[in-house]
Amino acid sequence: MKVADKLVHIEEQIQEACTRSNRKREEVTLIAVTKYVTTERAKEALEAGIEDLGENRDEGLLTKYEVLQDKPNWHYIGSLQTRKVKNVIDKIAYIHSLDRISLAAEIQKRANEPIKCLVQVNVSGEESKHGLKPSEVLPFIQELAEYDRIIVAGLMTMAPLTDDEQALRTCFRGLKELQVRIQEAELAHAPCTELSMGMSNDFVIAIEEGATMIRIGTALVGEES
């Protein structure tokens, strides 16, 4: 199925979720996660009208960037190794996985201009997931004040892979509550307006709980590799 056809269905779901939660459609950015598809499929997503693409490995991003350049807004959504920062930093609009000071220091060193970062939070507490504990988030963000090339644009989390709606809502609400706390701190370097949460299986619930960025791969562009 073509991306454009899948997009119609996804957009219907996004709009319905926005309506139920009294939100405007423009409050939610749809990121097509292209990590498992070819550059041609990513190009098809752009041609369907999607403006934001997400990659989780530097190799995948660089391969697609050679062809697509800066036509999409590139989001680095995977765990970013410090030594890989130099490969992608001047090509991406957002980093969704800032979770340690060593990474912040490398971003500060390599970035030519301020870059928007989302702090990754392990709300669910699963050992298999990256990210800070919720209790660590505010102190970490306060520590980032000394890095003037990092803008804390928001927070990111990955919910448990489950059909338990209540468990998903609890996770997403936890991230929303953290966002409110950070905004109340009124930190100049941390506007924290973005909540990156929700994927193919749970993005509707994420929108209802306040997501401003949803990361959809399989349901939108499929899997090819």
N, C-alpha and C. Protein backbone atom coordinates (compact mmCIF):
# COMPACT_ATOMS: atom_id res chain seq x y z
N MET A 1 0.84 -1.20 0.00
CA MET A 1 0.00 0.00 0.00
C MET A 1 0.87 1.25 0.00
N LYS A 2 0.47 2.23 -0.76
CA LYS A 2 1.23 3.47 -0.84
C LYS A 2 1.17 4.25 0.47
N VAL A 3 2.22 5.00 0.73
CA VAL A 3 2.26 5.81 1.95
C VAL A 3 1.09 6.79 1.96
N ALA A 4 0.79 7.38 0.82
CA ALA A 4 -0.30 8.35 0.75
C ALA A 4 -1.63 7.74 1.19
N ASP A 5 -1.86 6.49 0.84
CA ASP A 5 -3.10 5.82 1.23
C ASP A 5 -3.12 5.54 2.73
N LYS A 6 -1.99 5.10 3.25
CA LYS A 6 -1.90 4.86 4.70
C LYS A 6 -2.06 6.16 5.48
N LEU A 7 -1.52 7.23 4.90
CA LEU A 7 -1.56 8.52 5.57
C LEU A 7 -3.00 9.01 5.76
N VAL A 8 -3.85 8.72 4.81
CA VAL A 8 -5.26 9.13 4.93
C VAL A 8 -5.87 8.54 6.20
N HIS A 9 -5.63 7.25 6.42
CA HIS A 9 -6.18 6.57 7.60
C HIS A 9 -5.56 7.10 8.88
N ILE A 10 -4.23 7.30 8.86
CA ILE A 10 -3.54 7.84 10.04
C ILE A 10 -4.06 9.22 10.39
N GLU A 11 -4.24 10.05 9.37
CA GLU A 11 -4.71 11.41 9.61
C GLU A 11 -6.13 11.42 10.20
N GLU A 12 -6.94 10.50 9.77
CA GLU A 12 -8.29 10.39 10.34
C GLU A 12 -8.21 10.08 11.84
N GLN A 13 -7.32 9.17 12.19
CA GLN A 13 -7.16 8.80 13.60
C GLN A 13 -6.60 9.95 14.43
N ILE A 14 -5.65 10.68 13.85
CA ILE A 14 -5.09 11.83 14.55
C ILE A 14 -6.17 12.89 14.80
N GLN A 15 -6.93 13.17 13.76
CA GLN A 15 -7.97 14.19 13.89
C GLN A 15 -9.02 13.79 14.92
N GLU A 16 -9.42 12.54 14.89
CA GLU A 16 -10.41 12.06 15.86
C GLU A 16 -9.89 12.16 17.29
N ALA A 17 -8.62 11.81 17.49
CA ALA A 17 -8.02 11.89 18.82
C ALA A 17 -7.93 13.34 19.29
N CYS A 18 -7.59 14.23 18.36
CA CYS A 18 -7.53 15.66 18.69
C CYS A 18 -8.91 16.19 19.08
N THR A 19 -9.90 15.78 18.34
CA THR A 19 -11.27 16.23 18.62
C THR A 19 -11.72 15.76 20.00
N ARG A 20 -11.45 14.49 20.31
CA ARG A 20 -11.85 13.95 21.61
C ARG A 20 -11.18 14.68 22.76
N SER A 21 -9.97 15.15 22.54
CA SER A 21 -9.21 15.78 23.62
C SER A 21 -9.19 17.31 23.52
N ASN A 22 -10.09 17.85 22.69
CA ASN A 22 -10.23 19.30 22.53
C ASN A 22 -8.91 19.97 22.14
N ARG A 23 -8.23 19.36 21.18
CA ARG A 23 -6.98 19.90 20.69
C ARG A 23 -7.08 20.19 19.21
N LYS A 24 -6.18 21.03 18.72
CA LYS A 24 -6.14 21.35 17.30
C LYS A 24 -5.17 20.40 16.60
N ARG A 25 -5.50 20.05 15.38
CA ARG A 25 -4.64 19.12 14.63
C ARG A 25 -3.21 19.64 14.51
N GLU A 26 -3.05 20.95 14.35
CA GLU A 26 -1.71 21.50 14.17
C GLU A 26 -0.84 21.42 15.42
N GLU A 27 -1.41 20.98 16.52
CA GLU A 27 -0.62 20.81 17.75
C GLU A 27 0.20 19.52 17.74
N VAL A 28 -0.06 18.67 16.76
CA VAL A 28 0.60 17.35 16.73
C VAL A 28 1.44 17.21 15.45
N THR A 29 2.73 16.98 15.63
CA THR A 29 3.64 16.74 14.51
C THR A 29 3.75 15.25 14.25
N LEU A 30 3.49 14.85 13.03
CA LEU A 30 3.62 13.45 12.63
C LEU A 30 5.02 13.21 12.09
N ILE A 31 5.76 12.34 12.76
CA ILE A 31 7.10 11.96 12.31
C ILE A 31 7.02 10.57 11.70
N ALA A 32 7.37 10.47 10.43
CA ALA A 32 7.43 9.16 9.77
C ALA A 32 8.78 8.53 10.09
N VAL A 33 8.74 7.40 10.79
CA VAL A 33 9.98 6.72 11.17
C VAL A 33 10.40 5.81 10.02
N THR A 34 11.50 6.18 9.39
CA THR A 34 11.91 5.51 8.15
C THR A 34 13.09 4.57 8.34
N LYS A 35 13.36 4.18 9.58
CA LYS A 35 14.57 3.39 9.85
C LYS A 35 14.55 2.01 9.21
N TYR A 36 13.36 1.47 8.94
CA TYR A 36 13.28 0.12 8.36
C TYR A 36 12.92 0.13 6.88
N VAL A 37 12.99 1.29 6.24
CA VAL A 37 12.61 1.36 4.83
C VAL A 37 13.71 2.03 4.02
N THR A 38 13.59 1.88 2.72
CA THR A 38 14.59 2.42 1.80
C THR A 38 14.43 3.93 1.64
N THR A 39 15.44 4.51 1.03
CA THR A 39 15.39 5.94 0.73
C THR A 39 14.21 6.25 -0.18
N GLU A 40 13.92 5.36 -1.11
CA GLU A 40 12.78 5.58 -2.03
C GLU A 40 11.46 5.66 -1.27
N ARG A 41 11.32 4.80 -0.27
CA ARG A 41 10.10 4.82 0.54
C ARG A 41 10.03 6.10 1.37
N ALA A 42 11.16 6.54 1.87
CA ALA A 42 11.21 7.80 2.61
C ALA A 42 10.84 8.97 1.70
N LYS A 43 11.33 8.91 0.48
CA LYS A 43 11.00 9.95 -0.50
C LYS A 43 9.50 9.95 -0.80
N GLU A 44 8.92 8.77 -0.85
CA GLU A 44 7.48 8.64 -1.08
C GLU A 44 6.69 9.30 0.05
N ALA A 45 7.20 9.17 1.28
CA ALA A 45 6.55 9.81 2.42
C ALA A 45 6.56 11.33 2.27
N LEU A 46 7.70 11.86 1.81
CA LEU A 46 7.78 13.30 1.58
C LEU A 46 6.80 13.75 0.50
N GLU A 47 6.72 12.96 -0.55
CA GLU A 47 5.83 13.30 -1.65
C GLU A 47 4.36 13.23 -1.25
N ALA A 48 4.08 12.44 -0.19
CA ALA A 48 2.71 12.34 0.31
C ALA A 48 2.34 13.54 1.20
N GLY A 49 3.34 14.36 1.50
CA GLY A 49 3.07 15.56 2.28
C GLY A 49 3.63 15.55 3.70
N ILE A 50 4.33 14.49 4.07
CA ILE A 50 4.94 14.41 5.39
C ILE A 50 6.23 15.24 5.39
N GLU A 51 6.41 16.05 6.40
CA GLU A 51 7.56 16.96 6.44
C GLU A 51 8.65 16.52 7.41
N ASP A 52 8.34 15.57 8.29
CA ASP A 52 9.27 15.17 9.34
C ASP A 52 9.59 13.68 9.24
N LEU A 53 10.88 13.35 9.21
CA LEU A 53 11.32 11.96 9.14
C LEU A 53 12.20 11.65 10.33
N GLY A 54 12.08 10.42 10.85
CA GLY A 54 12.85 10.00 12.01
C GLY A 54 13.75 8.83 11.71
N GLU A 55 15.00 8.90 12.16
CA GLU A 55 15.96 7.81 12.01
C GLU A 55 16.60 7.52 13.37
N ASN A 56 17.00 6.28 13.60
CA ASN A 56 17.59 5.94 14.90
C ASN A 56 19.03 5.46 14.81
N ARG A 57 19.60 5.51 13.59
CA ARG A 57 21.02 5.15 13.42
C ARG A 57 21.66 6.19 12.49
N ASP A 58 22.90 6.51 12.77
CA ASP A 58 23.55 7.52 11.93
C ASP A 58 23.73 7.03 10.50
N GLU A 59 23.99 5.73 10.34
CA GLU A 59 24.18 5.21 8.98
C GLU A 59 22.93 5.40 8.13
N GLY A 60 21.77 5.06 8.72
CA GLY A 60 20.52 5.21 7.98
C GLY A 60 20.22 6.66 7.64
N LEU A 61 20.47 7.53 8.59
CA LEU A 61 20.22 8.95 8.34
C LEU A 61 21.13 9.49 7.25
N LEU A 62 22.41 9.15 7.32
CA LEU A 62 23.36 9.67 6.34
C LEU A 62 23.07 9.16 4.94
N THR A 63 22.66 7.89 4.86
CA THR A 63 22.33 7.32 3.54
C THR A 63 21.16 8.06 2.90
N LYS A 64 20.14 8.31 3.69
CA LYS A 64 18.96 9.01 3.15
C LYS A 64 19.25 10.49 2.93
N TYR A 65 20.09 11.05 3.78
CA TYR A 65 20.41 12.48 3.65
C TYR A 65 21.13 12.76 2.33
N GLU A 66 21.92 11.82 1.88
CA GLU A 66 22.64 11.99 0.61
C GLU A 66 21.68 12.30 -0.53
N VAL A 67 20.50 11.69 -0.46
CA VAL A 67 19.51 11.86 -1.53
C VAL A 67 18.51 12.97 -1.21
N LEU A 68 18.00 12.96 0.02
CA LEU A 68 16.90 13.88 0.37
C LEU A 68 17.38 15.21 0.93
N GLN A 69 18.66 15.25 1.35
CA GLN A 69 19.24 16.48 1.90
C GLN A 69 18.38 17.03 3.04
N ASP A 70 18.13 18.33 3.04
CA ASP A 70 17.36 18.93 4.14
C ASP A 70 15.91 19.19 3.77
N LYS A 71 15.39 18.44 2.80
CA LYS A 71 13.97 18.59 2.44
C LYS A 71 13.06 18.24 3.61
N PRO A 72 13.32 17.15 4.32
CA PRO A 72 12.53 16.90 5.53
C PRO A 72 13.18 17.55 6.75
N ASN A 73 12.40 17.69 7.81
CA ASN A 73 12.96 17.98 9.12
C ASN A 73 13.42 16.64 9.69
N TRP A 74 14.70 16.47 9.92
CA TRP A 74 15.23 15.20 10.39
C TRP A 74 15.21 15.14 11.91
N HIS A 75 14.70 14.03 12.43
CA HIS A 75 14.65 13.78 13.86
C HIS A 75 15.51 12.55 14.16
N TYR A 76 16.48 12.72 15.07
CA TYR A 76 17.26 11.57 15.49
C TYR A 76 16.58 10.99 16.72
N ILE A 77 15.97 9.81 16.57
CA ILE A 77 15.09 9.30 17.62
C ILE A 77 15.68 8.12 18.40
N GLY A 78 16.84 7.64 17.98
CA GLY A 78 17.43 6.51 18.68
C GLY A 78 18.47 6.95 19.69
N SER A 79 18.97 6.01 20.46
CA SER A 79 20.05 6.30 21.40
C SER A 79 21.27 6.74 20.61
N LEU A 80 21.80 7.91 20.93
CA LEU A 80 22.90 8.49 20.16
C LEU A 80 24.22 8.30 20.90
N GLN A 81 25.12 7.54 20.28
CA GLN A 81 26.44 7.34 20.86
C GLN A 81 27.24 8.64 20.75
N THR A 82 27.99 8.93 21.78
CA THR A 82 28.74 10.19 21.81
C THR A 82 29.63 10.33 20.57
N ARG A 83 30.29 9.23 20.18
CA ARG A 83 31.23 9.31 19.06
C ARG A 83 30.54 9.50 17.71
N LYS A 84 29.21 9.33 17.68
CA LYS A 84 28.46 9.49 16.42
C LYS A 84 27.88 10.90 16.27
N VAL A 85 27.96 11.70 17.31
CA VAL A 85 27.35 13.04 17.27
C VAL A 85 27.86 13.85 16.08
N LYS A 86 29.17 13.81 15.86
CA LYS A 86 29.76 14.63 14.79
C LYS A 86 29.22 14.26 13.41
N ASN A 87 28.73 13.04 13.26
CA ASN A 87 28.24 12.58 11.95
C ASN A 87 26.88 13.19 11.58
N VAL A 88 26.09 13.52 12.59
CA VAL A 88 24.69 13.90 12.31
C VAL A 88 24.31 15.30 12.77
N ILE A 89 25.11 15.91 13.62
CA ILE A 89 24.68 17.10 14.33
C ILE A 89 24.28 18.25 13.40
N ASP A 90 24.92 18.39 12.26
CA ASP A 90 24.61 19.51 11.38
C ASP A 90 23.52 19.17 10.36
N LYS A 91 22.91 18.00 10.52
CA LYS A 91 21.90 17.57 9.56
C LYS A 91 20.51 17.41 10.17
N ILE A 92 20.42 17.47 11.49
CA ILE A 92 19.15 17.16 12.16
C ILE A 92 18.53 18.38 12.84
N ALA A 93 17.21 18.36 12.91
CA ALA A 93 16.47 19.45 13.54
C ALA A 93 16.24 19.17 15.02
N TYR A 94 16.10 17.88 15.36
CA TYR A 94 15.81 17.49 16.75
C TYR A 94 16.58 16.23 17.12
N ILE A 95 17.04 16.19 18.35
CA ILE A 95 17.55 14.95 18.96
C ILE A 95 16.55 14.56 20.04
N HIS A 96 16.00 13.35 19.94
CA HIS A 96 14.96 12.91 20.87
C HIS A 96 15.50 12.08 22.03
N SER A 97 16.81 11.97 22.16
CA SER A 97 17.36 10.97 23.08
C SER A 97 18.48 11.49 23.97
N LEU A 98 18.39 12.74 24.38
CA LEU A 98 19.40 13.28 25.30
C LEU A 98 19.15 12.71 26.69
N ASP A 99 20.14 11.99 27.22
CA ASP A 99 19.92 11.31 28.51
C ASP A 99 21.15 11.26 29.41
N ARG A 100 22.22 12.00 29.04
CA ARG A 100 23.42 11.98 29.88
C ARG A 100 24.27 13.21 29.58
N ILE A 101 25.03 13.62 30.57
CA ILE A 101 25.84 14.83 30.44
C ILE A 101 26.96 14.65 29.42
N SER A 102 27.51 13.45 29.31
CA SER A 102 28.58 13.24 28.33
C SER A 102 28.08 13.50 26.91
N LEU A 103 26.84 13.14 26.65
CA LEU A 103 26.26 13.41 25.34
C LEU A 103 26.02 14.90 25.16
N ALA A 104 25.54 15.56 26.20
CA ALA A 104 25.32 17.01 26.14
C ALA A 104 26.63 17.73 25.85
N ALA A 105 27.70 17.30 26.49
CA ALA A 105 29.00 17.93 26.29
C ALA A 105 29.48 17.77 24.85
N GLU A 106 29.23 16.61 24.26
CA GLU A 106 29.64 16.38 22.88
C GLU A 106 28.79 17.20 21.91
N ILE A 107 27.51 17.31 22.18
CA ILE A 107 26.63 18.15 21.35
C ILE A 107 27.11 19.60 21.42
N GLN A 108 27.43 20.05 22.63
CA GLN A 108 27.94 21.42 22.82
C GLN A 108 29.21 21.64 22.00
N LYS A 109 30.07 20.65 21.98
CA LYS A 109 31.35 20.74 21.27
C LYS A 109 31.16 20.76 19.76
N ARG A 110 30.20 19.98 19.27
CA ARG A 110 30.09 19.78 17.82
C ARG A 110 29.07 20.69 17.12
N ALA A 111 28.10 21.19 17.85
CA ALA A 111 27.02 21.98 17.22
C ALA A 111 27.51 23.37 16.84
N ASN A 112 27.20 23.79 15.64
CA ASN A 112 27.56 25.13 15.19
C ASN A 112 26.58 26.18 15.67
N GLU A 113 25.38 25.74 16.00
CA GLU A 113 24.34 26.63 16.49
C GLU A 113 23.43 25.83 17.43
N PRO A 114 22.64 26.50 18.24
CA PRO A 114 21.78 25.78 19.19
C PRO A 114 20.89 24.75 18.49
N ILE A 115 20.76 23.59 19.11
CA ILE A 115 19.94 22.52 18.55
C ILE A 115 18.88 22.10 19.56
N LYS A 116 17.70 21.81 19.06
CA LYS A 116 16.60 21.41 19.92
C LYS A 116 16.75 19.94 20.33
N CYS A 117 16.73 19.72 21.62
CA CYS A 117 16.88 18.37 22.15
C CYS A 117 15.69 18.01 23.03
N LEU A 118 15.34 16.74 23.03
CA LEU A 118 14.33 16.23 23.95
C LEU A 118 15.02 15.28 24.91
N VAL A 119 14.73 15.45 26.17
CA VAL A 119 15.31 14.59 27.19
C VAL A 119 14.53 13.28 27.24
N GLN A 120 15.23 12.17 27.10
CA GLN A 120 14.57 10.87 27.10
C GLN A 120 14.33 10.41 28.54
N VAL A 121 13.09 10.02 28.81
CA VAL A 121 12.69 9.62 30.16
C VAL A 121 12.16 8.19 30.13
N ASN A 122 12.62 7.38 31.03
CA ASN A 122 12.13 6.01 31.15
C ASN A 122 10.99 6.01 32.17
N VAL A 123 9.83 6.45 31.73
CA VAL A 123 8.68 6.57 32.65
C VAL A 123 8.23 5.21 33.15
N SER A 124 8.27 4.21 32.30
CA SER A 124 7.76 2.88 32.66
C SER A 124 8.68 2.13 33.62
N GLY A 125 9.94 2.54 33.67
CA GLY A 125 10.89 1.87 34.56
C GLY A 125 11.42 0.54 34.04
N GLU A 126 11.17 0.24 32.78
CA GLU A 126 11.64 -1.02 32.21
C GLU A 126 13.15 -0.98 32.01
N GLU A 127 13.82 -2.05 32.43
CA GLU A 127 15.28 -2.10 32.32
C GLU A 127 15.76 -2.09 30.88
N SER A 128 14.92 -2.53 29.97
CA SER A 128 15.32 -2.62 28.56
C SER A 128 15.31 -1.26 27.86
N LYS A 129 14.77 -0.25 28.52
CA LYS A 129 14.63 1.06 27.88
C LYS A 129 15.67 2.06 28.37
N HIS A 130 16.09 2.92 27.45
CA HIS A 130 17.02 3.99 27.79
C HIS A 130 16.24 5.13 28.45
N GLY A 131 16.98 6.06 29.02
CA GLY A 131 16.35 7.26 29.56
C GLY A 131 16.54 7.44 31.05
N LEU A 132 16.29 8.65 31.49
CA LEU A 132 16.42 9.00 32.90
C LEU A 132 15.20 8.55 33.68
N LYS A 133 15.40 8.32 34.97
CA LYS A 133 14.26 8.12 35.85
C LYS A 133 13.53 9.46 35.99
N PRO A 134 12.22 9.42 36.17
CA PRO A 134 11.49 10.69 36.32
C PRO A 134 12.07 11.61 37.38
N SER A 135 12.54 11.06 38.48
CA SER A 135 13.09 11.88 39.57
C SER A 135 14.39 12.56 39.18
N GLU A 136 15.04 12.07 38.13
CA GLU A 136 16.33 12.62 37.70
C GLU A 136 16.19 13.74 36.68
N VAL A 137 15.00 13.90 36.13
CA VAL A 137 14.83 14.76 34.96
C VAL A 137 15.05 16.24 35.27
N LEU A 138 14.40 16.78 36.27
CA LEU A 138 14.54 18.20 36.55
C LEU A 138 15.97 18.57 36.94
N PRO A 139 16.63 17.83 37.83
CA PRO A 139 18.03 18.16 38.13
C PRO A 139 18.92 18.09 36.89
N PHE A 140 18.68 17.11 36.03
CA PHE A 140 19.47 16.98 34.79
C PHE A 140 19.27 18.20 33.90
N ILE A 141 18.03 18.61 33.73
CA ILE A 141 17.74 19.77 32.88
C ILE A 141 18.33 21.04 33.47
N GLN A 142 18.30 21.17 34.78
CA GLN A 142 18.92 22.34 35.41
C GLN A 142 20.42 22.36 35.14
N GLU A 143 21.03 21.19 35.13
CA GLU A 143 22.47 21.08 34.87
C GLU A 143 22.81 21.47 33.43
N LEU A 144 21.85 21.31 32.53
CA LEU A 144 22.08 21.63 31.12
C LEU A 144 22.15 23.13 30.85
N ALA A 145 21.86 23.95 31.83
CA ALA A 145 21.87 25.41 31.65
C ALA A 145 23.22 25.92 31.17
N GLU A 146 24.29 25.21 31.51
CA GLU A 146 25.63 25.68 31.13
C GLU A 146 25.99 25.36 29.68
N TYR A 147 25.13 24.60 29.00
CA TYR A 147 25.40 24.24 27.61
C TYR A 147 24.53 25.12 26.70
N ASP A 148 25.11 26.20 26.19
CA ASP A 148 24.30 27.18 25.47
C ASP A 148 23.91 26.78 24.06
N ARG A 149 24.39 25.63 23.61
CA ARG A 149 23.98 25.15 22.28
C ARG A 149 22.93 24.04 22.36
N ILE A 150 22.39 23.87 23.55
CA ILE A 150 21.31 22.90 23.74
C ILE A 150 20.05 23.62 24.20
N ILE A 151 19.00 23.46 23.45
CA ILE A 151 17.68 23.96 23.84
C ILE A 151 16.86 22.74 24.25
N VAL A 152 16.41 22.70 25.48
CA VAL A 152 15.57 21.58 25.92
C VAL A 152 14.15 21.85 25.43
N ALA A 153 13.87 21.33 24.24
CA ALA A 153 12.58 21.60 23.59
C ALA A 153 11.45 20.79 24.20
N GLY A 154 11.79 19.68 24.87
CA GLY A 154 10.74 18.84 25.43
C GLY A 154 11.27 17.54 25.99
N LEU A 155 10.35 16.58 26.11
CA LEU A 155 10.65 15.28 26.69
C LEU A 155 10.20 14.18 25.73
N MET A 156 10.86 13.03 25.83
CA MET A 156 10.49 11.88 25.01
C MET A 156 10.40 10.64 25.89
N THR A 157 9.46 9.76 25.58
CA THR A 157 9.43 8.46 26.24
C THR A 157 8.92 7.40 25.29
N MET A 158 9.21 6.16 25.65
CA MET A 158 8.67 5.00 24.95
C MET A 158 7.81 4.23 25.95
N ALA A 159 6.57 4.01 25.59
CA ALA A 159 5.65 3.30 26.48
C ALA A 159 5.90 1.80 26.41
N PRO A 160 5.41 1.05 27.39
CA PRO A 160 5.53 -0.42 27.33
C PRO A 160 4.81 -0.97 26.10
N LEU A 161 5.31 -2.05 25.57
CA LEU A 161 4.65 -2.69 24.44
C LEU A 161 3.53 -3.57 25.00
N THR A 162 2.34 -2.99 25.08
CA THR A 162 1.22 -3.67 25.72
C THR A 162 -0.09 -3.20 25.13
N ASP A 163 -1.13 -4.01 25.30
CA ASP A 163 -2.48 -3.61 24.90
C ASP A 163 -3.26 -3.05 26.08
N ASP A 164 -2.60 -2.94 27.22
CA ASP A 164 -3.24 -2.43 28.43
C ASP A 164 -3.35 -0.91 28.34
N GLU A 165 -4.53 -0.44 28.00
CA GLU A 165 -4.72 1.00 27.78
C GLU A 165 -4.38 1.81 29.02
N GLN A 166 -4.74 1.31 30.19
CA GLN A 166 -4.48 2.07 31.41
C GLN A 166 -2.98 2.20 31.66
N ALA A 167 -2.23 1.15 31.38
CA ALA A 167 -0.78 1.21 31.55
C ALA A 167 -0.17 2.25 30.62
N LEU A 168 -0.69 2.30 29.40
CA LEU A 168 -0.19 3.28 28.43
C LEU A 168 -0.52 4.70 28.88
N ARG A 169 -1.76 4.89 29.32
CA ARG A 169 -2.17 6.23 29.77
C ARG A 169 -1.34 6.67 30.99
N THR A 170 -1.08 5.76 31.89
CA THR A 170 -0.28 6.08 33.06
C THR A 170 1.11 6.56 32.66
N CYS A 171 1.70 5.88 31.68
CA CYS A 171 3.02 6.25 31.19
C CYS A 171 3.00 7.64 30.56
N PHE A 172 2.06 7.86 29.66
CA PHE A 172 1.99 9.15 28.96
C PHE A 172 1.65 10.30 29.92
N ARG A 173 0.78 10.04 30.85
CA ARG A 173 0.43 11.08 31.83
C ARG A 173 1.63 11.42 32.70
N GLY A 174 2.45 10.41 33.00
CA GLY A 174 3.64 10.66 33.79
C GLY A 174 4.58 11.63 33.10
N LEU A 175 4.72 11.49 31.77
CA LEU A 175 5.58 12.41 31.03
C LEU A 175 4.97 13.80 30.99
N LYS A 176 3.66 13.87 30.82
CA LYS A 176 2.98 15.17 30.81
C LYS A 176 3.16 15.89 32.14
N GLU A 177 3.05 15.16 33.22
CA GLU A 177 3.22 15.76 34.55
C GLU A 177 4.65 16.31 34.73
N LEU A 178 5.63 15.59 34.21
CA LEU A 178 7.01 16.07 34.26
C LEU A 178 7.17 17.35 33.46
N GLN A 179 6.55 17.39 32.29
CA GLN A 179 6.62 18.58 31.46
C GLN A 179 6.09 19.80 32.22
N VAL A 180 4.96 19.64 32.88
CA VAL A 180 4.37 20.74 33.64
C VAL A 180 5.33 21.22 34.72
N ARG A 181 5.96 20.29 35.41
CA ARG A 181 6.91 20.66 36.47
C ARG A 181 8.09 21.47 35.91
N ILE A 182 8.58 21.05 34.76
CA ILE A 182 9.72 21.74 34.16
C ILE A 182 9.31 23.13 33.69
N GLN A 183 8.14 23.24 33.09
CA GLN A 183 7.67 24.55 32.64
C GLN A 183 7.46 25.49 33.83
N GLU A 184 7.01 24.95 34.94
CA GLU A 184 6.81 25.77 36.14
C GLU A 184 8.13 26.30 36.69
N ALA A 185 9.22 25.61 36.39
CA ALA A 185 10.54 26.05 36.84
C ALA A 185 11.03 27.27 36.07
N GLU A 186 10.41 27.54 34.90
CA GLU A 186 10.71 28.72 34.09
C GLU A 186 12.21 28.85 33.80
N LEU A 187 12.76 27.80 33.23
CA LEU A 187 14.17 27.79 32.86
C LEU A 187 14.33 28.32 31.43
N ALA A 188 15.16 29.33 31.26
CA ALA A 188 15.30 29.97 29.95
C ALA A 188 15.75 29.01 28.86
N HIS A 189 16.57 28.05 29.22
CA HIS A 189 17.11 27.11 28.22
C HIS A 189 16.19 25.91 27.99
N ALA A 190 15.08 25.86 28.72
CA ALA A 190 14.21 24.67 28.66
C ALA A 190 12.74 25.05 28.54
N PRO A 191 12.33 25.54 27.37
CA PRO A 191 10.90 25.85 27.18
C PRO A 191 10.01 24.62 27.31
N CYS A 192 10.55 23.46 26.95
CA CYS A 192 9.90 22.16 27.14
C CYS A 192 8.45 22.15 26.65
N THR A 193 8.26 22.57 25.43
CA THR A 193 6.91 22.61 24.85
C THR A 193 6.52 21.31 24.15
N GLU A 194 7.49 20.44 23.89
CA GLU A 194 7.22 19.24 23.10
C GLU A 194 7.16 17.98 23.98
N LEU A 195 6.23 17.10 23.60
CA LEU A 195 6.14 15.77 24.21
C LEU A 195 6.16 14.75 23.07
N SER A 196 7.28 14.06 22.93
CA SER A 196 7.43 13.05 21.89
C SER A 196 7.07 11.70 22.48
N MET A 197 5.89 11.23 22.16
CA MET A 197 5.43 9.95 22.71
C MET A 197 4.31 9.41 21.83
N GLY A 198 4.28 8.09 21.73
CA GLY A 198 3.28 7.45 20.88
C GLY A 198 3.88 6.95 19.59
N MET A 199 3.63 5.65 19.31
CA MET A 199 4.11 5.03 18.08
C MET A 199 2.93 4.35 17.38
N SER A 200 3.22 3.48 16.44
CA SER A 200 2.16 2.90 15.61
C SER A 200 1.02 2.29 16.42
N ASN A 201 1.36 1.64 17.53
CA ASN A 201 0.34 0.89 18.27
C ASN A 201 -0.39 1.72 19.33
N ASP A 202 0.15 2.92 19.67
CA ASP A 202 -0.45 3.64 20.80
C ASP A 202 -0.53 5.15 20.59
N PHE A 203 -0.35 5.64 19.36
CA PHE A 203 -0.29 7.08 19.14
C PHE A 203 -1.60 7.79 19.44
N VAL A 204 -2.72 7.10 19.25
CA VAL A 204 -4.02 7.73 19.52
C VAL A 204 -4.13 8.07 21.01
N ILE A 205 -3.76 7.12 21.85
CA ILE A 205 -3.79 7.35 23.30
C ILE A 205 -2.81 8.45 23.68
N ALA A 206 -1.64 8.43 23.04
CA ALA A 206 -0.63 9.44 23.34
C ALA A 206 -1.14 10.85 23.03
N ILE A 207 -1.82 11.00 21.91
CA ILE A 207 -2.38 12.31 21.55
C ILE A 207 -3.40 12.74 22.60
N GLU A 208 -4.24 11.82 23.01
CA GLU A 208 -5.26 12.14 24.01
C GLU A 208 -4.63 12.56 25.34
N GLU A 209 -3.40 12.12 25.58
CA GLU A 209 -2.72 12.45 26.83
C GLU A 209 -1.72 13.60 26.67
N GLY A 210 -1.69 14.22 25.49
CA GLY A 210 -0.89 15.44 25.34
C GLY A 210 0.30 15.41 24.41
N ALA A 211 0.50 14.32 23.65
CA ALA A 211 1.64 14.25 22.73
C ALA A 211 1.61 15.40 21.73
N THR A 212 2.78 15.98 21.48
CA THR A 212 2.90 16.98 20.42
C THR A 212 3.70 16.43 19.24
N MET A 213 4.37 15.30 19.46
CA MET A 213 5.09 14.60 18.40
C MET A 213 4.79 13.11 18.52
N ILE A 214 4.38 12.50 17.42
CA ILE A 214 4.16 11.06 17.41
C ILE A 214 5.07 10.44 16.36
N ARG A 215 5.63 9.27 16.68
CA ARG A 215 6.64 8.64 15.85
C ARG A 215 6.05 7.36 15.25
N ILE A 216 5.68 7.42 13.98
CA ILE A 216 4.97 6.29 13.38
C ILE A 216 5.79 5.69 12.23
N GLY A 217 6.10 4.42 12.36
CA GLY A 217 6.86 3.72 11.34
C GLY A 217 6.02 2.71 10.60
N THR A 218 5.83 1.54 11.20
CA THR A 218 5.16 0.41 10.55
C THR A 218 3.81 0.76 9.97
N ALA A 219 2.98 1.44 10.72
CA ALA A 219 1.61 1.74 10.28
C ALA A 219 1.56 2.74 9.14
N LEU A 220 2.67 3.45 8.92
CA LEU A 220 2.68 4.50 7.90
C LEU A 220 3.55 4.18 6.71
N VAL A 221 4.79 3.79 6.95
CA VAL A 221 5.69 3.50 5.84
C VAL A 221 6.02 2.02 5.70
N GLY A 222 5.59 1.21 6.70
CA GLY A 222 5.83 -0.22 6.64
C GLY A 222 7.26 -0.59 7.02
N GLU A 223 7.64 -1.82 6.67
CA GLU A 223 9.01 -2.32 6.92
C GLU A 223 9.51 -3.01 5.67
N GLU A 224 10.71 -2.67 5.28
CA GLU A 224 11.29 -3.28 4.06
C GLU A 224 12.62 -3.97 4.30
N SER A 225 13.23 -3.70 5.46
CA SER A 225 14.55 -4.27 5.68
C SER A 225 14.71 -4.75 7.10
